[in-house]
Amino acid sequence: MPDEANPFESLQEQIDDAAAYLDVPADVVNRLKHPERVLELTLSVELDDGTLETFRGFRSQFNGDRGPYKGGIRYHPNVSRDEVKALSGWMVYKCAVVDIPYGGGKGGIVIDPRGYSESELERVTRTFAKELRPFIGPDKDIPAPDVNTGQREMNWIKDTYEKLENTTAPGVITGKSPANGGSAGRVEATGRSVMLASREAFDYLDKDVTGATVAIQGYGNAGSVAAKLIEDLGANVVAVSDSSGAVFHPGGLDTRAVKEFKRETGSVSGYADAEEEFSNEELLTMDVDLLVPAALENAIDAELATQVEADVIVEAANGPITPDADDILTEKEVTVVPDILANAGGVTVSYFEWVQNRQRFAWTEERVNDELERIVVDAFDRLVEAYEEHDLPNFRTAAYVVAIQRVADAYRGAGSWP
């Protein structure tokens, strides 16, 4: 089983590893390892039966040197203070590595949304939005969807904020439905950047993605979109999984049919055209050309890393590989394209949405996808330059070298005052 590595400590270790290759003072590095503030909330919400239930909520604002705080809101039973601190930090460096003008934030509520009605979830969301209202805004902190949240919840937050502020402010949040100011291409953006990062990595390694075998752990939005777009490149997606388990076919799965089956039944298990079913851990150790972990953090720990047989790993999830596992994969010469680049499509198209909201001018989906491809390809090229120029051990360190330098430059350029 994956270990219980503290995600915040993992983030700090990743920053230290990269900072060792940079001429950034230790005191500045230390500043870049801690959030500027963390808000912890107790939300009291009336349920449908009239009883009152309390929920814990969080919002971490990690660093705003390069722009407003930016990051998602997740609903999950395992949301914790350290988790949102880590995720908000990863957002800082994710935005920096793709060079969009945001800082990093993240939030969440300790809740299993499957246990509540839609009306209860709306009250939970609006209560959370009411408490966040003094701290968010189009120029302050711009939330977005994350695990178990989507357009519906973002629409509720936008509406709550606008009613309480007596204003129109579509840019207060991203990931909204198109009818509420959302951007074309936003739903598929994270999976699309995973596909683009995979394509660029195979090209850099002089590997042919056509016919490459692929396993994808996690078949939510990011995993399923990445699966179909990687399949469209000509790759052979042989295994996919969700929390129920994994399905496999050596000749390749029809990724769109699996997604439809999951939509109808709630899981990938039982998919009729699969030849075999097994566990998530077995999927992570399959002998494939490309592995895409697209679930939650800490999926691959040191013990599991010794069994990984994939040639390339592209991280669709945030923090799916622990630092100890990273060291083992580097020794095994497994190429890992890190989360802060691979899954940055979501925040990049959120940025496009925010720009469109500010301009009151909508882009076409073609323009959104073209701009996203340009940014991801440019970021990958800059990562490779840093990797080769500094003779770095892996792509993750290269990504942090690029990102930390950009954040440190912004901080030092602005100066400091009491």
Protein backbone atom coordinates (compact mmCIF):
# COMPACT_ATOMS: atom_id res chain seq x y z
CA MET A 1 0.00 0.00 0.00
CA PRO A 2 1.19 3.57 -0.58
CA ASP A 3 2.82 5.14 2.44
CA GLU A 4 1.43 8.12 4.28
CA ALA A 5 4.04 10.66 3.22
CA ASN A 6 3.11 14.14 4.37
CA PRO A 7 2.38 16.06 1.15
CA PHE A 8 3.56 19.38 2.61
CA GLU A 9 6.88 17.86 3.62
CA SER A 10 7.16 16.35 0.13
CA LEU A 11 6.68 19.80 -1.41
CA GLN A 12 9.37 21.30 0.83
CA GLU A 13 11.79 18.52 -0.05
CA GLN A 14 11.18 19.10 -3.76
CA ILE A 15 11.90 22.82 -3.32
CA ASP A 16 15.12 22.11 -1.41
CA ASP A 17 16.28 19.63 -4.06
CA ALA A 18 15.89 22.20 -6.84
CA ALA A 19 17.17 25.20 -4.88
CA ALA A 20 20.50 23.42 -4.43
CA TYR A 21 21.15 24.11 -8.14
CA LEU A 22 20.23 27.81 -7.94
CA ASP A 23 21.90 30.96 -6.68
CA VAL A 24 18.95 31.89 -4.48
CA PRO A 25 19.70 32.88 -0.85
CA ALA A 26 18.67 30.35 1.78
CA ASP A 27 16.39 32.85 3.52
CA VAL A 28 14.48 33.45 0.28
CA VAL A 29 14.21 29.70 -0.32
CA ASN A 30 12.84 29.26 3.19
CA ARG A 31 10.23 31.94 2.49
CA LEU A 32 9.18 30.06 -0.64
CA LYS A 33 8.55 26.88 1.37
CA HIS A 34 5.73 28.19 3.56
CA PRO A 35 2.22 29.57 2.92
CA GLU A 36 1.57 33.22 3.60
CA ARG A 37 -1.70 32.38 5.37
CA VAL A 38 -4.07 29.48 5.95
CA LEU A 39 -7.74 30.01 6.73
CA GLU A 40 -9.50 27.27 8.71
CA LEU A 41 -13.30 27.32 8.92
CA THR A 42 -16.12 25.58 10.72
CA LEU A 43 -19.19 25.53 8.51
CA SER A 44 -22.60 24.97 10.12
CA VAL A 45 -25.15 23.77 7.56
CA GLU A 46 -28.76 22.67 7.94
CA LEU A 47 -29.44 19.32 6.27
CA ASP A 48 -32.64 18.30 4.50
CA ASP A 49 -34.03 16.67 7.66
CA GLY A 50 -33.60 19.90 9.64
CA THR A 51 -30.56 18.78 11.66
CA LEU A 52 -27.41 20.87 11.81
CA GLU A 53 -24.06 19.44 10.70
CA THR A 54 -20.63 21.05 10.95
CA PHE A 55 -17.90 20.70 8.35
CA ARG A 56 -14.25 21.72 8.43
CA GLY A 57 -13.05 23.88 5.56
CA PHE A 58 -9.69 25.32 4.54
CA ARG A 59 -8.17 27.87 2.17
CA SER A 60 -4.40 28.21 1.88
CA GLN A 61 -2.84 31.23 0.15
CA PHE A 62 0.73 30.17 -0.40
CA ASN A 63 2.47 32.88 -2.40
CA GLY A 64 1.29 35.94 -4.33
CA ASP A 65 4.58 37.29 -5.69
CA ARG A 66 3.60 36.68 -9.33
CA GLY A 67 -0.10 37.52 -9.13
CA PRO A 68 -3.41 36.67 -7.43
CA TYR A 69 -3.65 33.37 -5.57
CA LYS A 70 -5.07 30.63 -7.77
CA GLY A 71 -6.19 27.10 -7.02
CA GLY A 72 -9.01 24.64 -6.72
CA ILE A 73 -11.47 23.62 -4.05
CA ARG A 74 -11.86 19.92 -3.34
CA TYR A 75 -14.54 17.99 -1.46
CA HIS A 76 -13.06 14.84 0.06
CA PRO A 77 -13.01 13.06 3.44
CA ASN A 78 -9.20 13.24 3.54
CA VAL A 79 -8.87 17.00 3.08
CA SER A 80 -6.47 18.34 5.72
CA ARG A 81 -4.53 21.46 6.59
CA ASP A 82 -1.23 20.00 5.39
CA GLU A 83 -2.81 18.76 2.17
CA VAL A 84 -4.16 22.17 1.17
CA LYS A 85 -0.85 23.81 2.15
CA ALA A 86 1.00 21.39 -0.13
CA LEU A 87 -1.46 21.76 -2.98
CA SER A 88 -1.37 25.56 -2.76
CA GLY A 89 2.43 25.42 -2.91
CA TRP A 90 2.38 23.14 -5.93
CA MET A 91 0.05 25.67 -7.57
CA VAL A 92 2.63 28.45 -7.09
CA TYR A 93 5.26 26.49 -8.98
CA LYS A 94 2.80 25.08 -11.50
CA CYS A 95 1.79 28.60 -12.51
CA ALA A 96 5.43 29.69 -12.59
CA VAL A 97 6.65 26.77 -14.72
CA VAL A 98 4.07 27.56 -17.42
CA ASP A 99 4.71 31.29 -16.86
CA ILE A 100 1.19 32.52 -16.17
CA PRO A 101 0.81 35.50 -13.78
CA TYR A 102 -0.68 33.80 -10.74
CA GLY A 103 0.38 32.78 -7.28
CA GLY A 104 -0.90 29.66 -5.59
CA GLY A 105 -3.89 28.82 -3.44
CA LYS A 106 -5.95 25.76 -2.59
CA GLY A 107 -9.01 24.97 -0.54
CA GLY A 108 -11.24 22.15 0.51
CA ILE A 109 -13.98 20.82 2.73
CA VAL A 110 -13.78 17.60 4.73
CA ILE A 111 -16.82 15.88 3.22
CA ASP A 112 -17.80 12.85 1.18
CA PRO A 113 -20.22 14.45 -1.27
CA ARG A 114 -21.76 11.07 -2.12
CA GLY A 115 -23.53 11.14 1.24
CA TYR A 116 -25.42 14.38 0.66
CA SER A 117 -28.23 15.60 -1.59
CA GLU A 118 -27.75 18.28 -4.21
CA SER A 119 -29.59 20.83 -2.07
CA GLU A 120 -27.37 20.00 0.92
CA LEU A 121 -24.22 20.34 -1.20
CA GLU A 122 -25.48 23.69 -2.46
CA ARG A 123 -25.93 24.94 1.11
CA VAL A 124 -22.48 23.65 2.08
CA THR A 125 -20.94 25.37 -0.95
CA ARG A 126 -22.74 28.68 -0.43
CA THR A 127 -21.83 28.69 3.26
CA PHE A 128 -18.19 28.12 2.32
CA ALA A 129 -18.39 30.90 -0.28
CA LYS A 130 -19.88 33.29 2.29
CA GLU A 131 -16.98 32.66 4.66
CA LEU A 132 -14.40 32.98 1.86
CA ARG A 133 -15.89 36.20 0.50
CA PRO A 134 -13.54 38.65 2.30
CA PHE A 135 -10.51 36.73 1.08
CA ILE A 136 -11.32 36.05 -2.59
CA GLY A 137 -11.88 38.29 -5.62
CA PRO A 138 -10.80 38.70 -9.25
CA ASP A 139 -7.61 40.47 -8.16
CA LYS A 140 -7.04 38.64 -4.84
CA ASP A 141 -7.74 34.91 -4.90
CA ILE A 142 -9.50 33.03 -7.67
CA PRO A 143 -10.74 29.52 -6.77
CA ALA A 144 -11.54 26.75 -9.27
CA PRO A 145 -12.79 23.13 -9.33
CA ASP A 146 -10.79 20.22 -7.99
CA VAL A 147 -11.55 16.72 -6.71
CA ASN A 148 -15.35 16.17 -6.49
CA THR A 149 -16.22 19.71 -7.53
CA GLY A 150 -17.05 21.10 -10.95
CA GLN A 151 -19.03 23.67 -12.89
CA ARG A 152 -22.07 23.35 -10.61
CA GLU A 153 -20.16 24.26 -7.45
CA MET A 154 -18.27 27.07 -9.19
CA ASN A 155 -21.56 28.55 -10.41
CA TRP A 156 -22.87 28.51 -6.83
CA ILE A 157 -19.76 30.24 -5.50
CA LYS A 158 -19.89 32.91 -8.21
CA ASP A 159 -23.57 33.59 -7.56
CA THR A 160 -23.08 33.77 -3.79
CA TYR A 161 -20.15 36.18 -4.10
CA GLU A 162 -21.94 38.42 -6.59
CA LYS A 163 -25.13 38.62 -4.52
CA LEU A 164 -23.26 39.41 -1.30
CA GLU A 165 -21.05 41.98 -3.03
CA ASN A 166 -23.97 43.38 -5.10
CA THR A 167 -21.84 43.25 -8.23
CA THR A 168 -21.09 41.27 -11.37
CA ALA A 169 -17.71 39.57 -11.09
CA PRO A 170 -17.40 36.47 -13.29
CA GLY A 171 -13.62 36.55 -12.80
CA VAL A 172 -13.96 35.73 -9.09
CA ILE A 173 -13.83 32.03 -9.95
CA THR A 174 -12.97 29.81 -12.90
CA GLY A 175 -14.21 26.44 -14.08
CA LYS A 176 -17.76 27.77 -14.43
CA SER A 177 -20.25 26.54 -17.00
CA PRO A 178 -20.08 28.40 -20.34
CA ALA A 179 -23.51 29.92 -19.63
CA ASN A 180 -22.08 31.44 -16.45
CA GLY A 181 -18.90 32.81 -18.00
CA GLY A 182 -16.84 29.64 -18.29
CA SER A 183 -14.34 29.04 -21.06
CA ALA A 184 -14.60 26.67 -23.97
CA GLY A 185 -12.07 23.88 -23.59
CA ARG A 186 -11.86 24.12 -19.78
CA VAL A 187 -13.34 20.68 -19.01
CA GLU A 188 -10.74 18.86 -21.10
CA ALA A 189 -7.82 21.16 -20.31
CA THR A 190 -6.03 19.07 -17.67
CA GLY A 191 -6.26 15.88 -19.69
CA ARG A 192 -5.15 17.76 -22.80
CA SER A 193 -1.99 19.04 -21.13
CA VAL A 194 -1.23 15.47 -19.97
CA MET A 195 -1.50 14.34 -23.58
CA LEU A 196 0.70 17.20 -24.80
CA ALA A 197 3.33 16.52 -22.12
CA SER A 198 3.30 12.82 -23.03
CA ARG A 199 3.72 13.62 -26.71
CA GLU A 200 6.60 16.01 -26.05
CA ALA A 201 8.33 13.56 -23.70
CA PHE A 202 8.16 10.73 -26.24
CA ASP A 203 9.48 13.06 -28.92
CA TYR A 204 12.38 14.19 -26.69
CA LEU A 205 13.24 10.58 -25.86
CA ASP A 206 13.02 9.65 -29.55
CA LYS A 207 10.25 7.17 -28.82
CA ASP A 208 7.25 6.58 -31.08
CA VAL A 209 3.97 7.24 -29.29
CA THR A 210 2.10 5.39 -32.05
CA GLY A 211 1.49 1.89 -30.72
CA ALA A 212 2.91 2.72 -27.27
CA THR A 213 1.22 0.83 -24.44
CA VAL A 214 -0.43 3.01 -21.79
CA ALA A 215 -1.90 2.44 -18.33
CA ILE A 216 -3.93 5.14 -16.59
CA GLN A 217 -4.67 5.05 -12.85
CA GLY A 218 -7.73 7.16 -12.08
CA TYR A 219 -10.59 7.56 -14.54
CA GLY A 220 -12.20 10.81 -13.49
CA ASN A 221 -12.13 13.87 -15.69
CA ALA A 222 -8.34 14.21 -16.05
CA GLY A 223 -7.67 10.50 -16.49
CA SER A 224 -10.48 9.79 -18.94
CA VAL A 225 -9.76 12.86 -21.09
CA ALA A 226 -6.03 12.08 -21.14
CA ALA A 227 -6.87 8.49 -22.10
CA LYS A 228 -8.94 9.40 -25.15
CA LEU A 229 -6.54 12.10 -26.36
CA ILE A 230 -3.50 9.82 -25.93
CA GLU A 231 -5.44 7.11 -27.76
CA ASP A 232 -6.06 9.65 -30.54
CA LEU A 233 -2.27 10.00 -30.89
CA GLY A 234 -2.20 6.33 -31.88
CA ALA A 235 -1.20 4.91 -28.52
CA ASN A 236 -2.68 1.69 -27.13
CA VAL A 237 -4.41 2.26 -23.78
CA VAL A 238 -4.34 -1.27 -22.35
CA ALA A 239 -5.44 -0.60 -18.76
CA VAL A 240 -7.42 1.99 -16.79
CA SER A 241 -8.65 2.08 -13.22
CA ASP A 242 -10.75 3.93 -10.67
CA SER A 243 -11.34 3.34 -6.98
CA SER A 244 -13.19 0.10 -7.78
CA GLY A 245 -10.18 -1.50 -9.48
CA ALA A 246 -8.56 -1.81 -12.91
CA VAL A 247 -9.61 -3.29 -16.25
CA PHE A 248 -7.20 -4.59 -18.89
CA HIS A 249 -7.16 -5.65 -22.50
CA PRO A 250 -3.83 -6.42 -24.25
CA GLY A 251 -5.22 -5.28 -27.58
CA GLY A 252 -6.29 -1.94 -26.15
CA LEU A 253 -9.45 -0.57 -24.58
CA ASP A 254 -11.97 1.71 -26.25
CA THR A 255 -11.38 4.63 -23.87
CA ARG A 256 -14.59 6.43 -24.79
CA ALA A 257 -16.67 3.29 -24.29
CA VAL A 258 -15.08 2.74 -20.87
CA LYS A 259 -15.94 6.32 -19.91
CA GLU A 260 -19.55 5.81 -20.98
CA PHE A 261 -19.70 2.55 -19.02
CA LYS A 262 -18.38 4.34 -15.92
CA ARG A 263 -20.92 7.13 -16.39
CA GLU A 264 -23.74 4.55 -16.51
CA THR A 265 -22.57 2.24 -13.72
CA GLY A 266 -20.36 4.40 -11.50
CA SER A 267 -17.16 2.40 -12.02
CA VAL A 268 -14.92 0.84 -14.68
CA SER A 269 -15.13 -2.59 -13.04
CA GLY A 270 -17.33 -4.98 -14.98
CA TYR A 271 -16.59 -3.41 -18.37
CA ALA A 272 -17.57 -6.21 -20.75
CA ASP A 273 -14.78 -5.83 -23.31
CA ALA A 274 -11.99 -6.13 -20.73
CA GLU A 275 -10.14 -9.42 -20.54
CA GLU A 276 -8.98 -9.08 -16.95
CA GLU A 277 -9.59 -7.11 -13.77
CA PHE A 278 -7.04 -6.38 -11.05
CA SER A 279 -6.03 -3.81 -8.43
CA ASN A 280 -4.80 -0.25 -8.75
CA GLU A 281 -1.39 -1.25 -7.40
CA GLU A 282 -1.04 -3.95 -10.05
CA LEU A 283 -1.84 -1.34 -12.71
CA LEU A 284 0.92 0.93 -11.38
CA THR A 285 3.49 -1.83 -11.81
CA MET A 286 2.49 -2.96 -15.30
CA ASP A 287 5.14 -3.24 -17.98
CA VAL A 288 3.95 -0.41 -20.23
CA ASP A 289 5.60 2.37 -22.21
CA LEU A 290 3.62 5.11 -20.47
CA LEU A 291 2.03 5.24 -17.02
CA VAL A 292 -0.34 8.07 -16.09
CA PRO A 293 -1.21 8.32 -12.36
CA ALA A 294 -4.37 10.43 -12.36
CA ALA A 295 -5.84 9.84 -8.90
CA LEU A 296 -4.68 11.30 -5.58
CA GLU A 297 -1.27 12.05 -4.05
CA ASN A 298 1.15 9.38 -2.72
CA ALA A 299 -0.02 6.68 -5.17
CA ILE A 300 3.57 5.50 -5.72
CA ASP A 301 5.74 5.18 -2.62
CA ALA A 302 9.29 3.86 -2.32
CA GLU A 303 8.22 0.23 -2.00
CA LEU A 304 5.98 0.38 -5.05
CA ALA A 305 8.57 2.33 -7.05
CA THR A 306 10.93 -0.66 -6.97
CA GLN A 307 8.26 -2.60 -8.89
CA VAL A 308 7.42 0.07 -11.48
CA GLU A 309 8.20 -1.13 -14.99
CA ALA A 310 6.93 1.79 -17.07
CA ASP A 311 9.48 3.68 -19.18
CA VAL A 312 7.75 7.06 -18.87
CA ILE A 313 5.45 8.43 -16.17
CA VAL A 314 3.38 11.55 -16.77
CA GLU A 315 1.70 12.84 -13.62
CA ALA A 316 -1.94 13.83 -14.13
CA ALA A 317 -2.57 13.90 -10.37
CA ASN A 318 -0.94 16.27 -7.90
CA GLY A 319 1.91 14.67 -5.97
CA PRO A 320 1.30 11.03 -6.96
CA ILE A 321 4.96 10.06 -6.38
CA THR A 322 6.63 10.48 -2.99
CA PRO A 323 10.17 11.98 -2.85
CA ASP A 324 11.69 8.62 -1.84
CA ALA A 325 9.94 6.97 -4.78
CA ASP A 326 11.22 9.75 -7.05
CA ASP A 327 14.81 8.90 -6.07
CA ILE A 328 14.26 5.24 -6.90
CA LEU A 329 12.66 6.01 -10.27
CA THR A 330 15.57 8.33 -11.13
CA GLU A 331 18.02 5.52 -10.34
CA LYS A 332 15.97 3.20 -12.56
CA GLU A 333 16.12 5.80 -15.37
CA VAL A 334 12.35 6.13 -15.53
CA THR A 335 11.45 9.47 -17.12
CA VAL A 336 8.92 11.34 -14.98
CA VAL A 337 7.17 14.41 -16.35
CA PRO A 338 6.12 16.19 -13.14
CA ASP A 339 2.64 17.27 -12.17
CA ILE A 340 3.45 20.97 -12.11
CA LEU A 341 3.88 20.81 -15.88
CA ALA A 342 1.86 17.79 -16.98
CA ASN A 343 -1.44 18.75 -15.36
CA ALA A 344 -1.04 22.52 -15.71
CA GLY A 345 -3.62 22.63 -18.48
CA GLY A 346 -6.38 23.17 -15.95
CA VAL A 347 -4.91 26.29 -14.40
CA THR A 348 -3.71 27.55 -17.79
CA VAL A 349 -7.20 27.45 -19.29
CA SER A 350 -8.53 28.87 -16.01
CA TYR A 351 -6.21 31.78 -16.70
CA PHE A 352 -7.68 32.06 -20.20
CA GLU A 353 -11.16 32.04 -18.64
CA TRP A 354 -10.18 34.81 -16.22
CA VAL A 355 -8.75 36.88 -19.10
CA GLN A 356 -11.94 36.41 -21.09
CA ASN A 357 -14.04 37.40 -18.06
CA ARG A 358 -11.99 40.55 -17.56
CA GLN A 359 -12.22 41.44 -21.25
CA ARG A 360 -15.88 40.40 -21.57
CA PHE A 361 -14.85 38.62 -24.76
CA ALA A 362 -15.14 34.87 -25.35
CA TRP A 363 -12.53 32.85 -27.24
CA THR A 364 -13.28 29.92 -29.51
CA GLU A 365 -12.34 26.42 -28.34
CA GLU A 366 -9.84 26.23 -31.19
CA ARG A 367 -8.06 29.33 -29.91
CA VAL A 368 -8.08 28.01 -26.34
CA ASN A 369 -6.57 24.68 -27.41
CA ASP A 370 -3.98 26.34 -29.65
CA GLU A 371 -2.88 28.72 -26.87
CA LEU A 372 -2.72 25.84 -24.38
CA GLU A 373 -0.56 23.78 -26.73
CA ARG A 374 1.83 26.70 -27.24
CA ILE A 375 2.23 27.25 -23.51
CA VAL A 376 2.75 23.56 -22.65
CA VAL A 377 5.25 23.04 -25.47
CA ASP A 378 7.18 26.20 -24.53
CA ALA A 379 7.24 25.12 -20.87
CA PHE A 380 8.48 21.64 -21.78
CA ASP A 381 11.23 23.14 -23.94
CA ARG A 382 12.32 25.42 -21.08
CA LEU A 383 12.30 22.43 -18.72
CA VAL A 384 14.58 20.51 -21.09
CA GLU A 385 16.92 23.50 -21.36
CA ALA A 386 17.24 23.66 -17.56
CA TYR A 387 17.65 19.88 -17.34
CA GLU A 388 20.54 19.89 -19.80
CA GLU A 389 22.11 23.22 -18.81
CA HIS A 390 22.35 22.36 -15.10
CA ASP A 391 22.97 18.62 -15.62
CA LEU A 392 19.99 17.87 -13.36
CA PRO A 393 19.02 14.40 -12.13
CA ASN A 394 15.44 14.44 -13.44
CA PHE A 395 12.69 16.50 -15.03
CA ARG A 396 11.02 17.28 -11.71
CA THR A 397 14.10 19.06 -10.42
CA ALA A 398 14.31 20.90 -13.74
CA ALA A 399 10.71 22.08 -13.47
CA TYR A 400 11.31 23.41 -9.95
CA VAL A 401 14.55 25.09 -11.00
CA VAL A 402 12.63 27.03 -13.64
CA ALA A 403 9.70 27.81 -11.35
CA ILE A 404 11.64 28.76 -8.22
CA GLN A 405 13.87 31.10 -10.19
CA ARG A 406 10.82 32.89 -11.60
CA VAL A 407 9.15 33.28 -8.21
CA ALA A 408 12.39 34.39 -6.54
CA ASP A 409 13.01 36.94 -9.30
CA ALA A 410 9.49 38.35 -8.81
CA TYR A 411 10.01 38.63 -5.06
CA ARG A 412 13.39 40.28 -5.29
CA GLY A 413 12.28 42.57 -8.10
CA ALA A 414 9.37 43.89 -6.05
CA GLY A 415 11.56 44.48 -2.98
CA SER A 416 10.60 44.09 0.65
CA TRP A 417 9.22 46.56 3.16
CA PRO A 418 7.97 46.34 6.77
